[in-house]
Amino acid sequence: MQNSTSRRTFNWKWVRFIPAVIWMTVIFISSSRSGGELNSWLPWVQQWIPGLSSFDPMHYVSYFILGLAVAYGLGRLSGTWPGALLTVAICTLYGVTDEWHQSYVPMRTPDALDLQHDAIGAAAASLIFLVVLKHRRSRNYTIS
């Protein structure tokens, strides 16, 4: 019989990455849709976002959300410049794999501009996360 000190414990910090993995799955499923399928969704989405003529702006939004999820997964590290850069690097690398994946989907092609939009969305989320964490830390150390 093992005692409690020799028993391996589950590393709970990886649970924080579950939202990022879920959102990566959403992006993968969306990228698996052919161009024709996406165009059939556009009129429905335009009801909610008037003036949207294509899904290009959705890259910003999708990778902004992914950036927030990855930053959450990284925790306190996201409140540092290296952590912020790591968040952007992870999201951009996922964007590269997403563009590669699209090369195998009918009527879809990889696009460097899409990757740029992905990186900008992730960078915006990472910067916001960095500023918020730095602000929260500075409030904790000030004397009122």
N, C-alpha and C. Protein backbone atom coordinates (compact mmCIF):
# COMPACT_ATOMS: atom_id res chain seq x y z
N MET A 1 0.84 -1.18 0.00
CA MET A 1 0.00 0.00 0.00
C MET A 1 0.89 1.24 0.00
N GLN A 2 0.56 2.20 -0.87
CA GLN A 2 1.35 3.41 -0.96
C GLN A 2 0.86 4.44 0.05
N ASN A 3 1.83 5.21 0.56
CA ASN A 3 1.39 6.31 1.42
C ASN A 3 1.12 7.53 0.55
N SER A 4 0.51 8.54 1.13
CA SER A 4 0.09 9.70 0.34
C SER A 4 1.25 10.53 -0.18
N THR A 5 2.44 10.47 0.45
CA THR A 5 3.56 11.27 -0.03
C THR A 5 4.22 10.66 -1.26
N SER A 6 4.12 9.37 -1.45
CA SER A 6 4.76 8.75 -2.61
C SER A 6 3.82 8.67 -3.82
N ARG A 7 2.55 8.97 -3.61
CA ARG A 7 1.58 8.91 -4.69
C ARG A 7 1.77 10.09 -5.63
N ARG A 8 1.72 9.82 -6.91
CA ARG A 8 1.84 10.91 -7.89
C ARG A 8 0.58 11.74 -7.85
N THR A 9 0.75 13.04 -7.93
CA THR A 9 -0.41 13.92 -7.94
C THR A 9 -0.60 14.48 -9.34
N PHE A 10 -1.83 14.79 -9.64
CA PHE A 10 -2.17 15.35 -10.95
C PHE A 10 -1.71 16.80 -10.99
N ASN A 11 -1.10 17.19 -12.09
CA ASN A 11 -0.63 18.56 -12.27
C ASN A 11 -1.79 19.40 -12.82
N TRP A 12 -2.48 20.11 -11.93
CA TRP A 12 -3.69 20.84 -12.27
C TRP A 12 -3.45 22.05 -13.15
N LYS A 13 -2.21 22.54 -13.26
CA LYS A 13 -1.99 23.76 -14.05
C LYS A 13 -2.31 23.54 -15.52
N TRP A 14 -2.25 22.31 -16.00
CA TRP A 14 -2.57 22.05 -17.41
C TRP A 14 -4.06 22.16 -17.69
N VAL A 15 -4.88 22.09 -16.67
CA VAL A 15 -6.32 22.24 -16.84
C VAL A 15 -6.66 23.64 -17.36
N ARG A 16 -5.81 24.61 -17.04
CA ARG A 16 -6.04 25.98 -17.50
C ARG A 16 -5.97 26.10 -19.03
N PHE A 17 -5.38 25.12 -19.69
CA PHE A 17 -5.28 25.16 -21.15
C PHE A 17 -6.50 24.56 -21.85
N ILE A 18 -7.44 24.02 -21.10
CA ILE A 18 -8.63 23.43 -21.72
C ILE A 18 -9.38 24.43 -22.59
N PRO A 19 -9.61 25.69 -22.14
CA PRO A 19 -10.29 26.64 -23.04
C PRO A 19 -9.54 26.86 -24.35
N ALA A 20 -8.22 26.90 -24.31
CA ALA A 20 -7.44 27.08 -25.54
C ALA A 20 -7.60 25.89 -26.47
N VAL A 21 -7.58 24.69 -25.91
CA VAL A 21 -7.74 23.48 -26.73
C VAL A 21 -9.14 23.44 -27.34
N ILE A 22 -10.15 23.82 -26.56
CA ILE A 22 -11.52 23.85 -27.08
C ILE A 22 -11.61 24.85 -28.23
N TRP A 23 -11.02 26.05 -28.05
CA TRP A 23 -11.11 27.07 -29.10
C TRP A 23 -10.31 26.65 -30.33
N MET A 24 -9.17 25.98 -30.13
CA MET A 24 -8.41 25.46 -31.28
C MET A 24 -9.27 24.46 -32.06
N THR A 25 -10.06 23.68 -31.35
CA THR A 25 -10.95 22.72 -32.00
C THR A 25 -12.02 23.45 -32.81
N VAL A 26 -12.56 24.52 -32.25
CA VAL A 26 -13.56 25.33 -32.98
C VAL A 26 -12.94 25.89 -34.26
N ILE A 27 -11.72 26.42 -34.16
CA ILE A 27 -11.04 26.96 -35.34
C ILE A 27 -10.81 25.85 -36.37
N PHE A 28 -10.36 24.68 -35.91
CA PHE A 28 -10.11 23.57 -36.82
C PHE A 28 -11.39 23.16 -37.55
N ILE A 29 -12.48 23.06 -36.81
CA ILE A 29 -13.75 22.66 -37.43
C ILE A 29 -14.20 23.71 -38.44
N SER A 30 -14.06 24.99 -38.08
CA SER A 30 -14.44 26.07 -39.00
C SER A 30 -13.57 26.04 -40.26
N SER A 31 -12.29 25.73 -40.09
CA SER A 31 -11.38 25.68 -41.23
C SER A 31 -11.62 24.46 -42.11
N SER A 32 -12.34 23.50 -41.59
CA SER A 32 -12.64 22.29 -42.36
C SER A 32 -13.80 22.50 -43.32
N ARG A 33 -14.48 23.62 -43.20
CA ARG A 33 -15.60 23.91 -44.08
C ARG A 33 -15.08 24.39 -45.43
N SER A 34 -15.71 23.94 -46.48
CA SER A 34 -15.30 24.37 -47.82
C SER A 34 -15.73 25.82 -48.03
N GLY A 35 -15.17 26.43 -49.05
CA GLY A 35 -15.52 27.81 -49.37
C GLY A 35 -17.01 27.99 -49.62
N GLY A 36 -17.61 27.03 -50.29
CA GLY A 36 -19.04 27.10 -50.57
C GLY A 36 -19.88 27.05 -49.31
N GLU A 37 -19.48 26.21 -48.37
CA GLU A 37 -20.21 26.13 -47.10
C GLU A 37 -20.11 27.44 -46.33
N LEU A 38 -18.92 28.03 -46.30
CA LEU A 38 -18.75 29.29 -45.58
C LEU A 38 -19.58 30.40 -46.21
N ASN A 39 -19.63 30.43 -47.54
CA ASN A 39 -20.42 31.47 -48.21
C ASN A 39 -21.91 31.31 -47.92
N SER A 40 -22.36 30.09 -47.66
CA SER A 40 -23.77 29.90 -47.31
C SER A 40 -24.06 30.40 -45.90
N TRP A 41 -23.06 30.49 -45.03
CA TRP A 41 -23.23 31.01 -43.67
C TRP A 41 -23.17 32.53 -43.64
N LEU A 42 -22.52 33.14 -44.62
CA LEU A 42 -22.28 34.58 -44.58
C LEU A 42 -23.57 35.40 -44.43
N PRO A 43 -24.65 35.12 -45.17
CA PRO A 43 -25.87 35.92 -44.99
C PRO A 43 -26.42 35.84 -43.56
N TRP A 44 -26.32 34.69 -42.94
CA TRP A 44 -26.79 34.55 -41.56
C TRP A 44 -25.93 35.39 -40.61
N VAL A 45 -24.61 35.34 -40.79
CA VAL A 45 -23.70 36.11 -39.94
C VAL A 45 -23.89 37.61 -40.19
N GLN A 46 -24.19 38.00 -41.43
CA GLN A 46 -24.40 39.42 -41.75
C GLN A 46 -25.61 40.00 -41.02
N GLN A 47 -26.56 39.16 -40.62
CA GLN A 47 -27.69 39.64 -39.83
C GLN A 47 -27.19 40.14 -38.47
N TRP A 48 -26.18 39.49 -37.94
CA TRP A 48 -25.64 39.84 -36.62
C TRP A 48 -24.54 40.88 -36.71
N ILE A 49 -23.81 40.88 -37.82
CA ILE A 49 -22.71 41.83 -38.02
C ILE A 49 -22.93 42.50 -39.37
N PRO A 50 -23.76 43.55 -39.41
CA PRO A 50 -24.03 44.22 -40.69
C PRO A 50 -22.74 44.80 -41.28
N GLY A 51 -22.65 44.79 -42.58
CA GLY A 51 -21.48 45.35 -43.26
C GLY A 51 -20.36 44.35 -43.45
N LEU A 52 -20.49 43.16 -42.90
CA LEU A 52 -19.46 42.13 -43.07
C LEU A 52 -19.59 41.56 -44.48
N SER A 53 -18.53 41.72 -45.29
CA SER A 53 -18.61 41.25 -46.67
C SER A 53 -17.86 39.94 -46.87
N SER A 54 -17.03 39.55 -45.90
CA SER A 54 -16.33 38.27 -45.95
C SER A 54 -15.98 37.87 -44.52
N PHE A 55 -15.36 36.72 -44.38
CA PHE A 55 -14.99 36.24 -43.05
C PHE A 55 -13.58 36.68 -42.65
N ASP A 56 -12.93 37.53 -43.43
CA ASP A 56 -11.57 37.97 -43.09
C ASP A 56 -11.46 38.58 -41.69
N PRO A 57 -12.38 39.48 -41.28
CA PRO A 57 -12.27 40.04 -39.93
C PRO A 57 -12.42 38.99 -38.83
N MET A 58 -13.01 37.87 -39.17
CA MET A 58 -13.20 36.83 -38.17
C MET A 58 -11.87 36.21 -37.74
N HIS A 59 -10.84 36.36 -38.57
CA HIS A 59 -9.51 35.89 -38.16
C HIS A 59 -9.04 36.66 -36.93
N TYR A 60 -9.24 37.98 -36.96
CA TYR A 60 -8.87 38.79 -35.81
C TYR A 60 -9.59 38.31 -34.56
N VAL A 61 -10.89 38.15 -34.70
CA VAL A 61 -11.73 37.77 -33.56
C VAL A 61 -11.36 36.38 -33.05
N SER A 62 -11.23 35.42 -33.96
CA SER A 62 -10.92 34.04 -33.55
C SER A 62 -9.58 33.95 -32.83
N TYR A 63 -8.59 34.63 -33.35
CA TYR A 63 -7.27 34.53 -32.74
C TYR A 63 -7.11 35.47 -31.55
N PHE A 64 -7.97 36.48 -31.44
CA PHE A 64 -8.04 37.27 -30.22
C PHE A 64 -8.54 36.38 -29.09
N ILE A 65 -9.61 35.63 -29.35
CA ILE A 65 -10.15 34.71 -28.35
C ILE A 65 -9.12 33.64 -28.01
N LEU A 66 -8.45 33.10 -29.04
CA LEU A 66 -7.42 32.10 -28.78
C LEU A 66 -6.28 32.71 -27.95
N GLY A 67 -5.91 33.93 -28.26
CA GLY A 67 -4.86 34.60 -27.49
C GLY A 67 -5.24 34.75 -26.03
N LEU A 68 -6.49 35.12 -25.75
CA LEU A 68 -6.95 35.21 -24.36
C LEU A 68 -6.91 33.85 -23.68
N ALA A 69 -7.33 32.80 -24.41
CA ALA A 69 -7.35 31.46 -23.82
C ALA A 69 -5.94 30.95 -23.53
N VAL A 70 -5.01 31.18 -24.45
CA VAL A 70 -3.62 30.76 -24.24
C VAL A 70 -3.00 31.55 -23.09
N ALA A 71 -3.26 32.86 -23.06
CA ALA A 71 -2.73 33.69 -21.97
C ALA A 71 -3.27 33.20 -20.62
N TYR A 72 -4.55 32.85 -20.59
CA TYR A 72 -5.13 32.30 -19.37
C TYR A 72 -4.42 31.01 -18.97
N GLY A 73 -4.15 30.17 -19.97
CA GLY A 73 -3.45 28.93 -19.70
C GLY A 73 -2.05 29.15 -19.14
N LEU A 74 -1.37 30.15 -19.64
CA LEU A 74 -0.02 30.45 -19.16
C LEU A 74 -0.02 31.11 -17.77
N GLY A 75 -1.14 31.63 -17.36
CA GLY A 75 -1.27 32.20 -16.02
C GLY A 75 -0.40 33.43 -15.81
N ARG A 76 0.29 33.47 -14.69
CA ARG A 76 1.10 34.64 -14.33
C ARG A 76 2.18 34.96 -15.34
N LEU A 77 2.65 33.96 -16.04
CA LEU A 77 3.67 34.19 -17.06
C LEU A 77 3.17 35.18 -18.12
N SER A 78 1.87 35.19 -18.36
CA SER A 78 1.28 36.10 -19.35
C SER A 78 1.43 37.57 -18.95
N GLY A 79 1.71 37.82 -17.69
CA GLY A 79 1.90 39.18 -17.23
C GLY A 79 3.31 39.69 -17.41
N THR A 80 4.12 38.96 -18.17
CA THR A 80 5.49 39.37 -18.47
C THR A 80 5.64 39.46 -19.99
N TRP A 81 6.63 40.23 -20.44
CA TRP A 81 6.86 40.34 -21.89
C TRP A 81 7.20 38.99 -22.51
N PRO A 82 8.06 38.17 -21.88
CA PRO A 82 8.31 36.85 -22.48
C PRO A 82 7.04 36.00 -22.57
N GLY A 83 6.18 36.10 -21.57
CA GLY A 83 4.93 35.35 -21.60
C GLY A 83 3.99 35.86 -22.69
N ALA A 84 3.96 37.19 -22.86
CA ALA A 84 3.13 37.77 -23.91
C ALA A 84 3.63 37.33 -25.29
N LEU A 85 4.94 37.35 -25.47
CA LEU A 85 5.50 36.89 -26.75
C LEU A 85 5.26 35.41 -26.97
N LEU A 86 5.32 34.62 -25.90
CA LEU A 86 5.04 33.18 -26.01
C LEU A 86 3.59 32.96 -26.44
N THR A 87 2.68 33.74 -25.88
CA THR A 87 1.27 33.63 -26.26
C THR A 87 1.10 33.89 -27.76
N VAL A 88 1.71 34.96 -28.25
CA VAL A 88 1.60 35.30 -29.67
C VAL A 88 2.26 34.21 -30.52
N ALA A 89 3.39 33.69 -30.08
CA ALA A 89 4.09 32.64 -30.83
C ALA A 89 3.24 31.37 -30.92
N ILE A 90 2.62 30.97 -29.82
CA ILE A 90 1.78 29.76 -29.82
C ILE A 90 0.61 29.95 -30.77
N CYS A 91 -0.05 31.10 -30.69
CA CYS A 91 -1.21 31.36 -31.55
C CYS A 91 -0.81 31.45 -33.02
N THR A 92 0.30 32.10 -33.29
CA THR A 92 0.75 32.23 -34.68
C THR A 92 1.16 30.87 -35.24
N LEU A 93 1.82 30.07 -34.43
CA LEU A 93 2.18 28.72 -34.87
C LEU A 93 0.93 27.90 -35.16
N TYR A 94 -0.08 28.05 -34.32
CA TYR A 94 -1.34 27.36 -34.60
C TYR A 94 -1.95 27.90 -35.90
N GLY A 95 -1.82 29.21 -36.13
CA GLY A 95 -2.31 29.79 -37.38
C GLY A 95 -1.62 29.21 -38.60
N VAL A 96 -0.32 28.96 -38.48
CA VAL A 96 0.43 28.32 -39.57
C VAL A 96 -0.15 26.94 -39.86
N THR A 97 -0.39 26.16 -38.81
CA THR A 97 -0.95 24.82 -39.01
C THR A 97 -2.37 24.90 -39.57
N ASP A 98 -3.11 25.94 -39.18
CA ASP A 98 -4.46 26.12 -39.69
C ASP A 98 -4.44 26.43 -41.19
N GLU A 99 -3.53 27.30 -41.60
CA GLU A 99 -3.41 27.62 -43.03
C GLU A 99 -2.98 26.38 -43.82
N TRP A 100 -2.07 25.60 -43.28
CA TRP A 100 -1.64 24.37 -43.94
C TRP A 100 -2.83 23.42 -44.07
N HIS A 101 -3.62 23.30 -42.99
CA HIS A 101 -4.80 22.44 -43.00
C HIS A 101 -5.77 22.88 -44.10
N GLN A 102 -5.93 24.21 -44.27
CA GLN A 102 -6.86 24.70 -45.28
C GLN A 102 -6.42 24.35 -46.70
N SER A 103 -5.14 24.08 -46.88
CA SER A 103 -4.67 23.72 -48.23
C SER A 103 -5.25 22.38 -48.69
N TYR A 104 -5.79 21.61 -47.76
CA TYR A 104 -6.38 20.31 -48.09
C TYR A 104 -7.91 20.37 -48.15
N VAL A 105 -8.50 21.52 -47.87
CA VAL A 105 -9.95 21.66 -47.86
C VAL A 105 -10.39 22.19 -49.22
N PRO A 106 -11.41 21.57 -49.84
CA PRO A 106 -11.88 22.03 -51.16
C PRO A 106 -12.30 23.50 -51.12
N MET A 107 -11.90 24.22 -52.16
CA MET A 107 -12.23 25.64 -52.35
C MET A 107 -11.66 26.54 -51.25
N ARG A 108 -10.62 26.08 -50.57
CA ARG A 108 -9.92 26.90 -49.58
C ARG A 108 -8.45 26.90 -49.93
N THR A 109 -7.77 27.98 -49.64
CA THR A 109 -6.34 28.06 -49.91
C THR A 109 -5.66 28.75 -48.72
N PRO A 110 -4.42 28.39 -48.47
CA PRO A 110 -3.68 29.10 -47.42
C PRO A 110 -3.40 30.53 -47.87
N ASP A 111 -3.37 31.44 -46.91
CA ASP A 111 -3.20 32.85 -47.24
C ASP A 111 -2.33 33.50 -46.17
N ALA A 112 -1.23 34.11 -46.60
CA ALA A 112 -0.32 34.77 -45.66
C ALA A 112 -1.01 35.94 -44.97
N LEU A 113 -1.94 36.60 -45.65
CA LEU A 113 -2.65 37.71 -45.04
C LEU A 113 -3.53 37.23 -43.88
N ASP A 114 -4.13 36.05 -44.05
CA ASP A 114 -4.91 35.47 -42.95
C ASP A 114 -4.02 35.21 -41.74
N LEU A 115 -2.82 34.72 -41.99
CA LEU A 115 -1.88 34.47 -40.90
C LEU A 115 -1.50 35.78 -40.21
N GLN A 116 -1.34 36.83 -40.97
CA GLN A 116 -1.05 38.14 -40.39
C GLN A 116 -2.21 38.59 -39.50
N HIS A 117 -3.44 38.41 -39.96
CA HIS A 117 -4.61 38.76 -39.16
C HIS A 117 -4.66 37.94 -37.88
N ASP A 118 -4.31 36.65 -38.00
CA ASP A 118 -4.27 35.78 -36.81
C ASP A 118 -3.28 36.32 -35.78
N ALA A 119 -2.10 36.67 -36.24
CA ALA A 119 -1.05 37.16 -35.34
C ALA A 119 -1.45 38.48 -34.70
N ILE A 120 -2.09 39.36 -35.45
CA ILE A 120 -2.52 40.66 -34.91
C ILE A 120 -3.59 40.45 -33.84
N GLY A 121 -4.54 39.57 -34.10
CA GLY A 121 -5.57 39.28 -33.10
C GLY A 121 -4.98 38.71 -31.82
N ALA A 122 -4.04 37.77 -31.96
CA ALA A 122 -3.39 37.18 -30.80
C ALA A 122 -2.54 38.21 -30.06
N ALA A 123 -1.86 39.07 -30.80
CA ALA A 123 -1.03 40.10 -30.17
C ALA A 123 -1.88 41.09 -29.38
N ALA A 124 -3.03 41.46 -29.92
CA ALA A 124 -3.93 42.38 -29.21
C ALA A 124 -4.40 41.76 -27.90
N ALA A 125 -4.81 40.50 -27.95
CA ALA A 125 -5.25 39.81 -26.73
C ALA A 125 -4.11 39.70 -25.73
N SER A 126 -2.94 39.34 -26.21
CA SER A 126 -1.79 39.19 -25.34
C SER A 126 -1.41 40.50 -24.67
N LEU A 127 -1.46 41.58 -25.44
CA LEU A 127 -1.13 42.90 -24.89
C LEU A 127 -2.15 43.32 -23.83
N ILE A 128 -3.42 43.09 -24.10
CA ILE A 128 -4.45 43.43 -23.12
C ILE A 128 -4.26 42.61 -21.84
N PHE A 129 -4.00 41.32 -21.99
CA PHE A 129 -3.77 40.45 -20.83
C PHE A 129 -2.56 40.94 -20.04
N LEU A 130 -1.49 41.30 -20.75
CA LEU A 130 -0.27 41.80 -20.11
C LEU A 130 -0.55 43.07 -19.32
N VAL A 131 -1.24 44.02 -19.92
CA VAL A 131 -1.53 45.29 -19.27
C VAL A 131 -2.42 45.08 -18.04
N VAL A 132 -3.43 44.25 -18.18
CA VAL A 132 -4.33 44.00 -17.05
C VAL A 132 -3.58 43.35 -15.89
N LEU A 133 -2.77 42.33 -16.17
CA LEU A 133 -2.03 41.68 -15.09
C LEU A 133 -1.03 42.62 -14.44
N LYS A 134 -0.33 43.42 -15.24
CA LYS A 134 0.62 44.39 -14.67
C LYS A 134 -0.12 45.42 -13.81
N HIS A 135 -1.28 45.85 -14.27
CA HIS A 135 -2.07 46.82 -13.50
C HIS A 135 -2.53 46.20 -12.18
N ARG A 136 -3.00 44.98 -12.23
CA ARG A 136 -3.45 44.30 -11.00
C ARG A 136 -2.30 44.12 -10.02
N ARG A 137 -1.13 43.78 -10.53
CA ARG A 137 0.03 43.62 -9.66
C ARG A 137 0.44 44.95 -9.03
N SER A 138 0.40 46.03 -9.82
CA SER A 138 0.81 47.33 -9.29
C SER A 138 -0.16 47.82 -8.22
N ARG A 139 -1.43 47.52 -8.35
CA ARG A 139 -2.43 47.91 -7.35
C ARG A 139 -2.21 47.15 -6.05
N ASN A 140 -1.71 45.92 -6.13
CA ASN A 140 -1.48 45.12 -4.93
C ASN A 140 -0.30 45.62 -4.13
N TYR A 141 0.64 46.32 -4.76
CA TYR A 141 1.86 46.76 -4.09
C TYR A 141 1.85 48.23 -3.71
N THR A 142 0.80 48.95 -4.06
CA THR A 142 0.77 50.36 -3.70
C THR A 142 0.17 50.52 -2.31
N ILE A 143 0.64 51.53 -1.60
CA ILE A 143 0.13 51.81 -0.26
C ILE A 143 -0.92 52.89 -0.37
N SER A 144 -2.10 52.59 0.14
CA SER A 144 -3.20 53.56 0.06
C SER A 144 -3.33 54.34 1.34
